[in-house]
Each structure stands twice: as structure tokens, then as C-alpha cells.
Amino acid sequence: MPGRRLDVVMTRPSDATEASARNLPKAALVHVAEGVSMVDFRPVALFRACFPADPLPDLPARLRESQSITVALAACGMTWWAAERVTLSPSHDG
């Protein structure tokens, strides 16, 4: 059974990488959600999601209520969004 546990929801100034990736001004506020992805109640991955704070002022409260990024974004009026996904695999180089 897949699932997710949100451990951290916070608003803070973006770091240089976050600001650049989202075309935000240096140190613009972002909402950050961090947690653990689970399968059969066992942890399989850590995650961090980062959102610009200005267009989503209620996102932290909605995340805490729903524990779901999809539900929280919809509650903030965002019914579509683009996601970047990075998939990592082990290196097989000696």
C-alpha cells in the first residue's frame, strides 16, 4: 500500500538553486514540504517539494490539514501544475 508522511511543512527564503529553478528573485519565500514515501508502511524514499509562497499563501495550512500535496494545491485553486521529476539509479561504474 503506497503512502506518504509529511514530516516538515515550512516557509523560508529560497536558496540560490530553488530561486533559479523557479525564476524567483534571490531569497524569495518558498513553502517547503518534506517527508517519507512509504510502501506497505515501510519507508522507501525521502522527498522535498518546494513551491513559491506568493501565489500560494494558504498552502502550508492546506498541507497540514490534508497531508496531500495534490489536495492542498487544489484547495488553493491550483488544479494543474508542472512537476519536475528526477529519477536516480545506482552507478554501475567500478
N, C-alpha and C. Protein backbone atom coordinates (compact mmCIF):
# COMPACT_ATOMS: atom_id res chain seq x y z
N MET A 1 0.85 -1.18 0.00
CA MET A 1 0.00 0.00 0.00
C MET A 1 0.90 1.24 0.00
N PRO A 2 0.84 2.05 -1.07
CA PRO A 2 1.67 3.25 -1.11
C PRO A 2 1.10 4.34 -0.21
N GLY A 3 1.95 5.22 0.20
CA GLY A 3 1.53 6.34 1.03
C GLY A 3 2.66 7.32 1.23
N ARG A 4 2.34 8.37 1.94
CA ARG A 4 3.31 9.42 2.18
C ARG A 4 3.10 9.98 3.56
N ARG A 5 4.18 10.35 4.20
CA ARG A 5 4.09 11.00 5.51
C ARG A 5 4.79 12.34 5.40
N LEU A 6 4.07 13.42 5.68
CA LEU A 6 4.67 14.76 5.72
C LEU A 6 5.27 14.98 7.09
N ASP A 7 6.56 15.24 7.15
CA ASP A 7 7.23 15.47 8.42
C ASP A 7 7.49 16.95 8.68
N VAL A 8 7.70 17.72 7.62
CA VAL A 8 8.03 19.14 7.75
C VAL A 8 7.22 19.94 6.75
N VAL A 9 6.59 21.00 7.20
CA VAL A 9 5.97 22.00 6.33
C VAL A 9 6.43 23.34 6.86
N MET A 10 7.14 24.10 6.04
CA MET A 10 7.66 25.38 6.50
C MET A 10 7.73 26.38 5.35
N THR A 11 7.80 27.66 5.73
CA THR A 11 8.02 28.74 4.78
C THR A 11 9.35 29.37 5.15
N ARG A 12 10.20 29.56 4.12
CA ARG A 12 11.53 30.11 4.36
C ARG A 12 12.04 30.78 3.10
N PRO A 13 13.12 31.57 3.21
CA PRO A 13 13.72 32.13 2.00
C PRO A 13 14.30 31.02 1.12
N SER A 14 14.14 31.14 -0.16
CA SER A 14 14.69 30.15 -1.09
C SER A 14 16.21 30.23 -1.11
N ASP A 15 16.83 29.09 -1.39
CA ASP A 15 18.27 29.12 -1.62
C ASP A 15 18.50 29.45 -3.09
N ALA A 16 19.73 29.60 -3.49
CA ALA A 16 20.05 30.02 -4.86
C ALA A 16 19.52 29.03 -5.90
N THR A 17 19.64 27.75 -5.63
CA THR A 17 19.18 26.73 -6.57
C THR A 17 17.67 26.77 -6.73
N GLU A 18 16.95 26.87 -5.62
CA GLU A 18 15.49 26.92 -5.67
C GLU A 18 15.01 28.17 -6.40
N ALA A 19 15.61 29.31 -6.10
CA ALA A 19 15.21 30.56 -6.75
C ALA A 19 15.46 30.48 -8.26
N SER A 20 16.61 29.97 -8.64
CA SER A 20 16.96 29.86 -10.05
C SER A 20 16.02 28.90 -10.78
N ALA A 21 15.73 27.76 -10.19
CA ALA A 21 14.87 26.76 -10.83
C ALA A 21 13.45 27.27 -11.04
N ARG A 22 13.00 28.18 -10.21
CA ARG A 22 11.63 28.69 -10.28
C ARG A 22 11.55 30.12 -10.80
N ASN A 23 12.68 30.63 -11.28
CA ASN A 23 12.73 32.02 -11.78
C ASN A 23 12.23 33.01 -10.74
N LEU A 24 12.64 32.82 -9.49
CA LEU A 24 12.24 33.70 -8.39
C LEU A 24 13.38 34.66 -8.07
N PRO A 25 13.05 35.81 -7.49
CA PRO A 25 14.11 36.70 -7.01
C PRO A 25 14.92 36.00 -5.92
N LYS A 26 16.16 36.41 -5.77
CA LYS A 26 17.03 35.84 -4.74
C LYS A 26 16.35 35.93 -3.38
N ALA A 27 16.34 34.82 -2.64
CA ALA A 27 15.78 34.71 -1.29
C ALA A 27 14.27 34.94 -1.23
N ALA A 28 13.56 34.77 -2.36
CA ALA A 28 12.09 34.85 -2.33
C ALA A 28 11.57 33.75 -1.41
N LEU A 29 10.45 34.00 -0.75
CA LEU A 29 9.89 32.99 0.15
C LEU A 29 9.34 31.80 -0.63
N VAL A 30 9.59 30.60 -0.09
CA VAL A 30 9.06 29.37 -0.64
C VAL A 30 8.44 28.55 0.48
N HIS A 31 7.44 27.75 0.13
CA HIS A 31 6.87 26.78 1.05
C HIS A 31 7.57 25.45 0.74
N VAL A 32 8.01 24.77 1.77
CA VAL A 32 8.72 23.50 1.61
C VAL A 32 7.98 22.41 2.38
N ALA A 33 7.77 21.29 1.72
CA ALA A 33 7.19 20.11 2.36
C ALA A 33 8.21 18.98 2.23
N GLU A 34 8.51 18.34 3.35
CA GLU A 34 9.46 17.22 3.35
C GLU A 34 8.82 16.04 4.06
N GLY A 35 9.16 14.86 3.60
CA GLY A 35 8.62 13.68 4.25
C GLY A 35 9.18 12.39 3.69
N VAL A 36 8.42 11.32 3.91
CA VAL A 36 8.84 9.98 3.55
C VAL A 36 7.75 9.33 2.70
N SER A 37 8.15 8.73 1.58
CA SER A 37 7.24 7.92 0.78
C SER A 37 7.31 6.49 1.30
N MET A 38 6.14 5.85 1.39
CA MET A 38 6.07 4.53 2.01
C MET A 38 5.42 3.52 1.04
N VAL A 39 5.82 2.27 1.18
CA VAL A 39 5.17 1.15 0.51
C VAL A 39 4.98 0.07 1.57
N ASP A 40 3.77 -0.40 1.71
CA ASP A 40 3.45 -1.39 2.76
C ASP A 40 3.94 -0.92 4.12
N PHE A 41 3.74 0.37 4.38
CA PHE A 41 4.08 1.00 5.66
C PHE A 41 5.59 1.01 5.94
N ARG A 42 6.39 0.81 4.91
CA ARG A 42 7.84 0.85 5.06
C ARG A 42 8.39 2.02 4.25
N PRO A 43 9.37 2.75 4.80
CA PRO A 43 9.94 3.89 4.07
C PRO A 43 10.75 3.42 2.87
N VAL A 44 10.52 4.07 1.72
CA VAL A 44 11.27 3.74 0.51
C VAL A 44 11.98 4.95 -0.09
N ALA A 45 11.57 6.16 0.28
CA ALA A 45 12.20 7.35 -0.29
C ALA A 45 11.91 8.57 0.56
N LEU A 46 12.85 9.49 0.54
CA LEU A 46 12.63 10.81 1.14
C LEU A 46 12.23 11.76 0.02
N PHE A 47 11.40 12.75 0.33
CA PHE A 47 11.03 13.73 -0.69
C PHE A 47 11.06 15.14 -0.12
N ARG A 48 11.26 16.09 -1.01
CA ARG A 48 11.16 17.51 -0.68
C ARG A 48 10.47 18.18 -1.86
N ALA A 49 9.41 18.90 -1.58
CA ALA A 49 8.69 19.68 -2.58
C ALA A 49 8.79 21.15 -2.19
N CYS A 50 9.01 22.00 -3.17
CA CYS A 50 9.24 23.42 -2.91
C CYS A 50 8.34 24.23 -3.84
N PHE A 51 7.58 25.18 -3.27
CA PHE A 51 6.61 25.97 -4.03
C PHE A 51 6.82 27.45 -3.75
N PRO A 52 6.67 28.32 -4.74
CA PRO A 52 6.75 29.76 -4.48
C PRO A 52 5.62 30.17 -3.53
N ALA A 53 5.95 30.96 -2.53
CA ALA A 53 4.98 31.32 -1.49
C ALA A 53 3.96 32.36 -1.94
N ASP A 54 4.38 33.33 -2.73
CA ASP A 54 3.47 34.43 -3.07
C ASP A 54 2.14 33.99 -3.69
N PRO A 55 2.14 33.12 -4.71
CA PRO A 55 0.85 32.75 -5.30
C PRO A 55 0.06 31.72 -4.49
N LEU A 56 0.68 31.16 -3.44
CA LEU A 56 0.03 30.09 -2.67
C LEU A 56 0.10 30.37 -1.17
N PRO A 57 -0.46 31.49 -0.71
CA PRO A 57 -0.29 31.86 0.70
C PRO A 57 -0.90 30.86 1.68
N ASP A 58 -1.93 30.13 1.28
CA ASP A 58 -2.59 29.19 2.19
C ASP A 58 -2.06 27.76 2.09
N LEU A 59 -1.05 27.53 1.27
CA LEU A 59 -0.58 26.17 1.05
C LEU A 59 -0.11 25.47 2.33
N PRO A 60 0.68 26.09 3.20
CA PRO A 60 1.10 25.37 4.40
C PRO A 60 -0.07 24.86 5.25
N ALA A 61 -1.08 25.68 5.44
CA ALA A 61 -2.25 25.25 6.23
C ALA A 61 -2.98 24.11 5.54
N ARG A 62 -3.14 24.21 4.22
CA ARG A 62 -3.83 23.15 3.48
C ARG A 62 -3.03 21.85 3.50
N LEU A 63 -1.69 21.94 3.46
CA LEU A 63 -0.85 20.74 3.55
C LEU A 63 -1.01 20.07 4.92
N ARG A 64 -1.00 20.88 5.97
CA ARG A 64 -1.15 20.31 7.31
C ARG A 64 -2.51 19.64 7.49
N GLU A 65 -3.55 20.24 6.91
CA GLU A 65 -4.90 19.67 7.01
C GLU A 65 -5.03 18.36 6.24
N SER A 66 -4.56 18.36 5.01
CA SER A 66 -4.83 17.23 4.11
C SER A 66 -3.72 16.18 4.08
N GLN A 67 -2.50 16.59 4.40
CA GLN A 67 -1.34 15.69 4.28
C GLN A 67 -1.13 15.22 2.84
N SER A 68 -1.69 15.96 1.87
CA SER A 68 -1.59 15.60 0.46
C SER A 68 -1.24 16.83 -0.36
N ILE A 69 -0.16 16.76 -1.13
CA ILE A 69 0.22 17.89 -1.97
C ILE A 69 -0.84 18.15 -3.02
N THR A 70 -1.35 17.11 -3.66
CA THR A 70 -2.37 17.27 -4.70
C THR A 70 -3.63 17.93 -4.14
N VAL A 71 -4.12 17.46 -3.01
CA VAL A 71 -5.33 18.01 -2.39
C VAL A 71 -5.07 19.44 -1.93
N ALA A 72 -3.91 19.71 -1.35
CA ALA A 72 -3.59 21.06 -0.86
C ALA A 72 -3.52 22.05 -2.02
N LEU A 73 -2.88 21.67 -3.11
CA LEU A 73 -2.81 22.56 -4.27
C LEU A 73 -4.20 22.84 -4.83
N ALA A 74 -5.03 21.82 -4.93
CA ALA A 74 -6.40 22.01 -5.42
C ALA A 74 -7.18 22.94 -4.49
N ALA A 75 -7.00 22.81 -3.18
CA ALA A 75 -7.69 23.68 -2.22
C ALA A 75 -7.24 25.13 -2.35
N CYS A 76 -6.05 25.33 -2.89
CA CYS A 76 -5.53 26.69 -3.12
C CYS A 76 -5.92 27.20 -4.50
N GLY A 77 -6.74 26.43 -5.23
CA GLY A 77 -7.21 26.86 -6.54
C GLY A 77 -6.32 26.44 -7.69
N MET A 78 -5.30 25.67 -7.41
CA MET A 78 -4.39 25.24 -8.47
C MET A 78 -4.78 23.82 -8.87
N THR A 79 -5.42 23.72 -10.02
CA THR A 79 -5.90 22.41 -10.47
C THR A 79 -4.98 21.79 -11.51
N TRP A 80 -3.95 22.50 -11.90
CA TRP A 80 -2.95 21.95 -12.81
C TRP A 80 -1.60 22.50 -12.38
N TRP A 81 -0.56 21.79 -12.68
CA TRP A 81 0.79 22.26 -12.39
C TRP A 81 1.77 21.38 -13.14
N ALA A 82 2.95 21.89 -13.30
CA ALA A 82 4.03 21.13 -13.93
C ALA A 82 4.93 20.60 -12.83
N ALA A 83 5.30 19.38 -12.93
CA ALA A 83 6.20 18.78 -11.94
C ALA A 83 7.49 18.37 -12.62
N GLU A 84 8.57 18.57 -11.91
CA GLU A 84 9.85 18.06 -12.37
C GLU A 84 10.14 16.79 -11.60
N ARG A 85 10.56 15.78 -12.29
CA ARG A 85 10.85 14.50 -11.63
C ARG A 85 12.28 14.11 -11.96
N VAL A 86 12.98 13.72 -10.94
CA VAL A 86 14.34 13.24 -11.11
C VAL A 86 14.36 11.79 -10.65
N THR A 87 14.85 10.92 -11.50
CA THR A 87 14.95 9.52 -11.15
C THR A 87 16.43 9.17 -11.03
N LEU A 88 16.79 8.61 -9.90
CA LEU A 88 18.18 8.22 -9.65
C LEU A 88 18.30 6.72 -9.70
N SER A 89 19.41 6.25 -10.23
CA SER A 89 19.68 4.82 -10.21
C SER A 89 21.14 4.61 -9.84
N PRO A 90 21.47 3.45 -9.30
CA PRO A 90 22.85 3.21 -8.89
C PRO A 90 23.79 3.23 -10.07
N SER A 91 24.98 3.70 -9.84
CA SER A 91 26.01 3.70 -10.86
C SER A 91 26.62 2.31 -10.94
N HIS A 92 26.85 1.86 -12.14
CA HIS A 92 27.49 0.55 -12.31
C HIS A 92 28.93 0.70 -12.74
N ASP A 93 29.46 1.92 -12.60
CA ASP A 93 30.87 2.16 -12.91
C ASP A 93 31.71 1.76 -11.71
N GLY A 94 32.70 0.94 -11.92
CA GLY A 94 33.62 0.45 -10.90
C GLY A 94 33.84 1.37 -9.82
